[in-house]
Amino acid sequence: MPANPSKFVWYELMTSDVDSAENFYKTVVGWKSEQWGGGDEMHYVILKAGDASVAGLMAIPDEAAGMNPAWVGYIYAADVDAATESVRKDGGKVFRAPADIPEVGRFSVVADPQGAVFMLFTPKGEGGAPAAPMAPGHIGWHELMAAEWKSAFDFYSKQFHWSKGDAVDMGPMGTYQLFAAGGDAIGGMMTKPPQIPSPYWLYYFNVGDIDEAAERIAKNNGKVVMGPMEVPGGSWVLQATDPQGALFALVGSRK
């Protein structure tokens, strides 16, 4: 029997200003927020779409001092220790060895062989964000800008049992390969253009009207760097940076 594909189950922003980021994303995406444990020693903010927790915000940890603010995604692992070792053996890098988060789960910080960073996570209990890919405030798409998408797909397919969906011809930009983790496609990957310095994962948050969302970004000291543009299927997307410089993306509709 083939193994079940592993899915993204959590998303996290490591930022230089948690309070500013919290206010920005609540306004732009429409999330609610609440403080999670830790008190003054651990300022961790949960972002919620309705009653569902979908992401967290935290300050850049001391061990990562010097990194730029960035969103990271957590991929489910039945056994974080084994999954971390598997990533290492297949040419990936381990930035943080597996560790426990009391009452939450076990995680590690890794990168694929081309350098794109992600997390591995085994939640306690049910855990993870509920699967509602097109609901407002949830994450509707996952995009990998790879150094070379074919070998990147081979890595993720082996590690997490992802499968290929449609391949979109992007002309001079090459192929945009959709991938699925069981069921419908949840994202795409492509070979990055030369001007992008290193591979990375990008996450698309669902909003309503894309133009209204673009206005909220501009009014709250963010910057739209690409779009809005229409994508196959009729949705509209944009890419932007928040006030601290973290790259994110939105997907929505146009009136």
Protein backbone atom coordinates (compact mmCIF):
# COMPACT_ATOMS: atom_id res chain seq x y z
CA MET A 1 0.00 0.00 0.00
CA PRO A 2 1.51 3.39 -0.97
CA ALA A 3 2.32 5.80 1.85
CA ASN A 4 -0.03 8.69 2.51
CA PRO A 5 1.29 12.02 1.18
CA SER A 6 2.43 14.52 3.80
CA LYS A 7 0.78 17.94 3.78
CA PHE A 8 1.58 21.40 5.04
CA VAL A 9 -0.03 21.70 8.48
CA TRP A 10 1.20 25.04 9.84
CA TYR A 11 2.73 28.34 8.77
CA GLU A 12 4.90 30.74 10.72
CA LEU A 13 6.33 34.19 10.28
CA MET A 14 9.67 34.91 11.93
CA THR A 15 9.89 38.67 12.05
CA SER A 16 11.80 41.61 13.49
CA ASP A 17 8.64 43.25 14.89
CA VAL A 18 5.87 40.93 16.05
CA ASP A 19 3.41 43.66 17.05
CA SER A 20 3.71 45.50 13.75
CA ALA A 21 3.39 42.27 11.74
CA GLU A 22 0.36 41.20 13.78
CA ASN A 23 -1.48 44.46 13.04
CA PHE A 24 -0.49 44.35 9.37
CA TYR A 25 -1.75 40.84 8.64
CA LYS A 26 -4.92 41.28 10.68
CA THR A 27 -5.75 44.28 8.50
CA VAL A 28 -4.61 42.88 5.15
CA VAL A 29 -5.75 39.25 5.38
CA GLY A 30 -8.55 39.63 7.92
CA TRP A 31 -7.09 37.31 10.53
CA LYS A 32 -7.90 37.50 14.22
CA SER A 33 -5.10 36.98 16.73
CA GLU A 34 -4.45 35.71 20.23
CA GLN A 35 -1.39 35.30 22.42
CA TRP A 36 -0.15 31.76 22.90
CA GLY A 37 1.64 30.78 26.15
CA GLY A 38 5.15 31.69 27.08
CA GLY A 39 4.37 35.14 28.49
CA ASP A 40 7.12 37.72 28.19
CA GLU A 41 9.73 35.05 27.49
CA MET A 42 7.93 33.76 24.40
CA HIS A 43 5.85 36.28 22.48
CA TYR A 44 4.03 33.96 20.08
CA VAL A 45 0.88 35.13 18.31
CA ILE A 46 -1.66 32.75 16.81
CA LEU A 47 -3.41 34.00 13.66
CA LYS A 48 -6.92 32.69 13.17
CA ALA A 49 -9.38 32.49 10.27
CA GLY A 50 -12.66 32.46 12.16
CA ASP A 51 -12.20 29.84 14.87
CA ALA A 52 -9.45 27.98 13.02
CA SER A 53 -5.81 28.59 13.91
CA VAL A 54 -3.80 28.75 10.70
CA ALA A 55 -0.46 30.45 11.41
CA GLY A 56 1.83 31.93 14.04
CA LEU A 57 4.05 34.96 14.47
CA MET A 58 7.24 35.09 16.49
CA ALA A 59 10.41 37.13 16.79
CA ILE A 60 13.45 35.87 14.92
CA PRO A 61 15.15 33.58 17.47
CA ASP A 62 18.61 34.34 18.79
CA GLU A 63 20.11 31.32 17.03
CA ALA A 64 18.90 32.75 13.70
CA ALA A 65 20.08 36.31 14.38
CA GLY A 66 20.82 38.08 11.13
CA MET A 67 18.20 36.29 9.04
CA ASN A 68 15.69 38.36 7.12
CA PRO A 69 12.03 38.17 8.21
CA ALA A 70 10.39 35.27 6.38
CA TRP A 71 7.40 32.93 6.28
CA VAL A 72 8.08 29.21 6.71
CA GLY A 73 5.81 26.20 6.29
CA TYR A 74 5.58 23.08 8.45
CA ILE A 75 5.16 19.73 6.66
CA TYR A 76 3.62 16.84 8.59
CA ALA A 77 5.93 14.00 9.61
CA ALA A 78 4.77 10.88 11.42
CA ASP A 79 8.26 10.67 12.94
CA VAL A 80 10.20 13.95 12.92
CA ASP A 81 13.50 12.33 13.84
CA ALA A 82 13.32 9.81 11.01
CA ALA A 83 12.08 12.41 8.52
CA THR A 84 14.88 14.81 9.48
CA GLU A 85 17.49 12.12 8.97
CA SER A 86 15.93 11.21 5.62
CA VAL A 87 16.20 14.83 4.46
CA ARG A 88 19.84 14.92 5.53
CA LYS A 89 20.66 11.64 3.77
CA ASP A 90 19.10 12.92 0.54
CA GLY A 91 21.29 16.02 0.47
CA GLY A 92 19.23 18.44 2.56
CA LYS A 93 20.50 20.48 5.47
CA VAL A 94 19.42 20.36 9.11
CA PHE A 95 19.38 23.81 10.70
CA ARG A 96 17.80 22.71 13.97
CA ALA A 97 17.72 19.16 15.22
CA PRO A 98 14.38 17.69 16.32
CA ALA A 99 13.06 19.24 19.52
CA ASP A 100 9.83 19.18 21.51
CA ILE A 101 7.38 22.02 21.98
CA PRO A 102 5.60 21.11 25.25
CA GLU A 103 1.95 20.15 24.70
CA VAL A 104 2.24 21.01 20.99
CA GLY A 105 4.49 18.55 19.18
CA ARG A 106 7.97 17.88 17.86
CA PHE A 107 9.66 19.82 15.06
CA SER A 108 12.89 20.38 13.17
CA VAL A 109 14.16 23.06 10.78
CA VAL A 110 15.58 21.79 7.50
CA ALA A 111 16.24 22.79 3.91
CA ASP A 112 15.99 20.85 0.67
CA PRO A 113 19.22 20.11 -1.29
CA GLN A 114 18.85 23.40 -3.17
CA GLY A 115 18.47 25.49 -0.01
CA ALA A 116 14.72 26.17 0.35
CA VAL A 117 13.88 26.10 4.06
CA PHE A 118 10.89 24.34 5.62
CA MET A 119 9.94 22.69 8.90
CA LEU A 120 9.04 19.12 9.80
CA PHE A 121 6.34 18.67 12.43
CA THR A 122 4.61 15.94 14.39
CA PRO A 123 1.70 17.52 16.27
CA LYS A 124 0.30 16.10 19.48
CA GLY A 125 -3.30 14.98 19.13
CA GLU A 126 -5.08 16.13 15.99
CA GLY A 127 -2.95 19.26 15.59
CA GLY A 128 -2.29 21.24 12.44
CA ALA A 129 -4.38 23.65 10.43
CA PRO A 130 -7.71 22.31 9.15
CA ALA A 131 -7.92 21.54 5.44
CA ALA A 132 -9.96 24.36 3.93
CA PRO A 133 -7.78 25.47 1.03
CA MET A 134 -10.11 28.04 -0.53
CA ALA A 135 -11.67 29.46 2.65
CA PRO A 136 -10.90 33.11 3.51
CA GLY A 137 -7.78 33.44 5.62
CA HIS A 138 -6.50 29.95 4.86
CA ILE A 139 -3.51 29.11 2.70
CA GLY A 140 -4.65 28.48 -0.85
CA TRP A 141 -1.37 27.71 -2.63
CA HIS A 142 2.25 26.71 -1.99
CA GLU A 143 4.93 27.76 -4.48
CA LEU A 144 8.54 26.67 -4.68
CA MET A 145 11.03 28.78 -6.58
CA ALA A 146 13.70 26.13 -7.08
CA ALA A 147 17.21 26.23 -8.41
CA GLU A 148 16.04 23.48 -10.78
CA TRP A 149 12.49 22.25 -10.44
CA LYS A 150 12.83 18.69 -11.76
CA SER A 151 15.36 17.55 -9.16
CA ALA A 152 13.47 19.54 -6.51
CA PHE A 153 10.28 17.67 -7.35
CA ASP A 154 12.11 14.35 -7.18
CA PHE A 155 13.30 15.22 -3.66
CA TYR A 156 9.86 16.22 -2.35
CA SER A 157 8.17 13.31 -4.09
CA LYS A 158 10.54 10.87 -2.39
CA GLN A 159 10.32 12.53 1.02
CA PHE A 160 6.59 13.30 1.14
CA HIS A 161 4.99 11.22 -1.64
CA TRP A 162 3.79 14.23 -3.60
CA SER A 163 2.61 13.64 -7.16
CA LYS A 164 2.71 15.68 -10.34
CA GLY A 165 -0.31 17.56 -11.59
CA ASP A 166 -0.55 19.60 -14.77
CA ALA A 167 2.53 21.27 -16.23
CA VAL A 168 2.02 24.84 -17.41
CA ASP A 169 4.20 26.24 -20.17
CA MET A 170 5.39 29.68 -19.00
CA GLY A 171 7.22 30.50 -22.23
CA PRO A 172 10.67 31.98 -21.60
CA MET A 173 10.21 31.38 -17.84
CA GLY A 174 10.01 27.63 -18.40
CA THR A 175 7.64 25.05 -16.91
CA TYR A 176 5.40 25.60 -13.89
CA GLN A 177 4.81 22.15 -12.45
CA LEU A 178 1.75 21.64 -10.25
CA PHE A 179 1.94 19.09 -7.44
CA ALA A 180 -0.56 17.33 -5.21
CA ALA A 181 -0.42 15.77 -1.76
CA GLY A 182 -3.33 13.46 -2.46
CA GLY A 183 -6.39 14.90 -4.21
CA ASP A 184 -6.24 18.25 -6.00
CA ALA A 185 -3.08 20.26 -6.61
CA ILE A 186 -1.92 22.27 -3.60
CA GLY A 187 0.92 24.16 -5.26
CA GLY A 188 3.45 24.53 -8.01
CA MET A 189 7.18 24.70 -8.51
CA MET A 190 9.41 26.18 -11.16
CA THR A 191 13.05 26.99 -11.83
CA LYS A 192 13.69 30.47 -10.47
CA PRO A 193 14.86 33.25 -12.78
CA PRO A 194 18.54 34.22 -12.45
CA GLN A 195 17.80 37.49 -10.65
CA ILE A 196 16.35 35.61 -7.66
CA PRO A 197 19.39 34.84 -5.49
CA SER A 198 18.27 31.64 -3.76
CA PRO A 199 15.41 29.10 -3.70
CA TYR A 200 12.47 29.67 -1.37
CA TRP A 201 8.90 28.64 -0.56
CA LEU A 202 6.10 31.20 -0.98
CA TYR A 203 2.65 30.89 0.58
CA TYR A 204 -0.57 32.38 -0.84
CA PHE A 205 -3.21 33.55 1.66
CA ASN A 206 -6.85 33.62 0.57
CA VAL A 207 -8.58 37.00 0.54
CA GLY A 208 -11.74 38.33 -1.08
CA ASP A 209 -11.26 41.09 -3.65
CA ILE A 210 -7.63 41.23 -4.75
CA ASP A 211 -7.67 44.95 -5.58
CA GLU A 212 -9.05 45.88 -2.18
CA ALA A 213 -6.37 43.71 -0.58
CA ALA A 214 -3.68 45.49 -2.63
CA GLU A 215 -4.97 48.82 -1.32
CA ARG A 216 -4.80 47.54 2.27
CA ILE A 217 -1.18 46.50 1.71
CA ALA A 218 -0.22 49.96 0.43
CA LYS A 219 -2.09 51.80 3.19
CA ASN A 220 -0.38 49.75 5.89
CA ASN A 221 3.24 50.24 4.78
CA GLY A 222 3.55 47.04 2.76
CA LYS A 223 4.60 46.90 -0.89
CA VAL A 224 3.11 44.99 -3.82
CA VAL A 225 6.01 43.64 -5.87
CA MET A 226 4.09 41.64 -8.49
CA GLY A 227 0.49 41.76 -9.75
CA PRO A 228 -2.37 41.59 -9.37
CA MET A 229 -2.40 39.14 -12.26
CA GLU A 230 -4.90 36.53 -13.39
CA VAL A 231 -3.93 32.85 -13.19
CA PRO A 232 -5.49 29.77 -14.80
CA GLY A 233 -8.84 29.05 -13.22
CA GLY A 234 -9.86 32.70 -12.93
CA SER A 235 -8.26 33.64 -9.61
CA TRP A 236 -6.09 36.71 -9.18
CA VAL A 237 -2.78 36.75 -7.31
CA LEU A 238 -0.22 39.22 -6.10
CA GLN A 239 3.09 39.04 -4.31
CA ALA A 240 4.07 41.58 -1.69
CA THR A 241 6.36 42.38 1.21
CA ASP A 242 5.17 43.33 4.67
CA PRO A 243 6.60 46.35 6.56
CA GLN A 244 9.48 44.24 7.89
CA GLY A 245 10.33 42.91 4.43
CA ALA A 246 8.90 39.37 4.59
CA LEU A 247 7.65 38.13 1.23
CA PHE A 248 4.09 36.76 1.04
CA ALA A 249 1.38 36.32 -1.55
CA LEU A 250 -2.40 36.66 -1.77
CA VAL A 251 -4.98 34.92 -3.94
CA GLY A 252 -8.47 36.29 -4.47
CA SER A 253 -11.06 37.41 -6.99
CA ARG A 254 -11.69 40.57 -8.97
CA LYS A 255 -15.03 42.34 -9.22
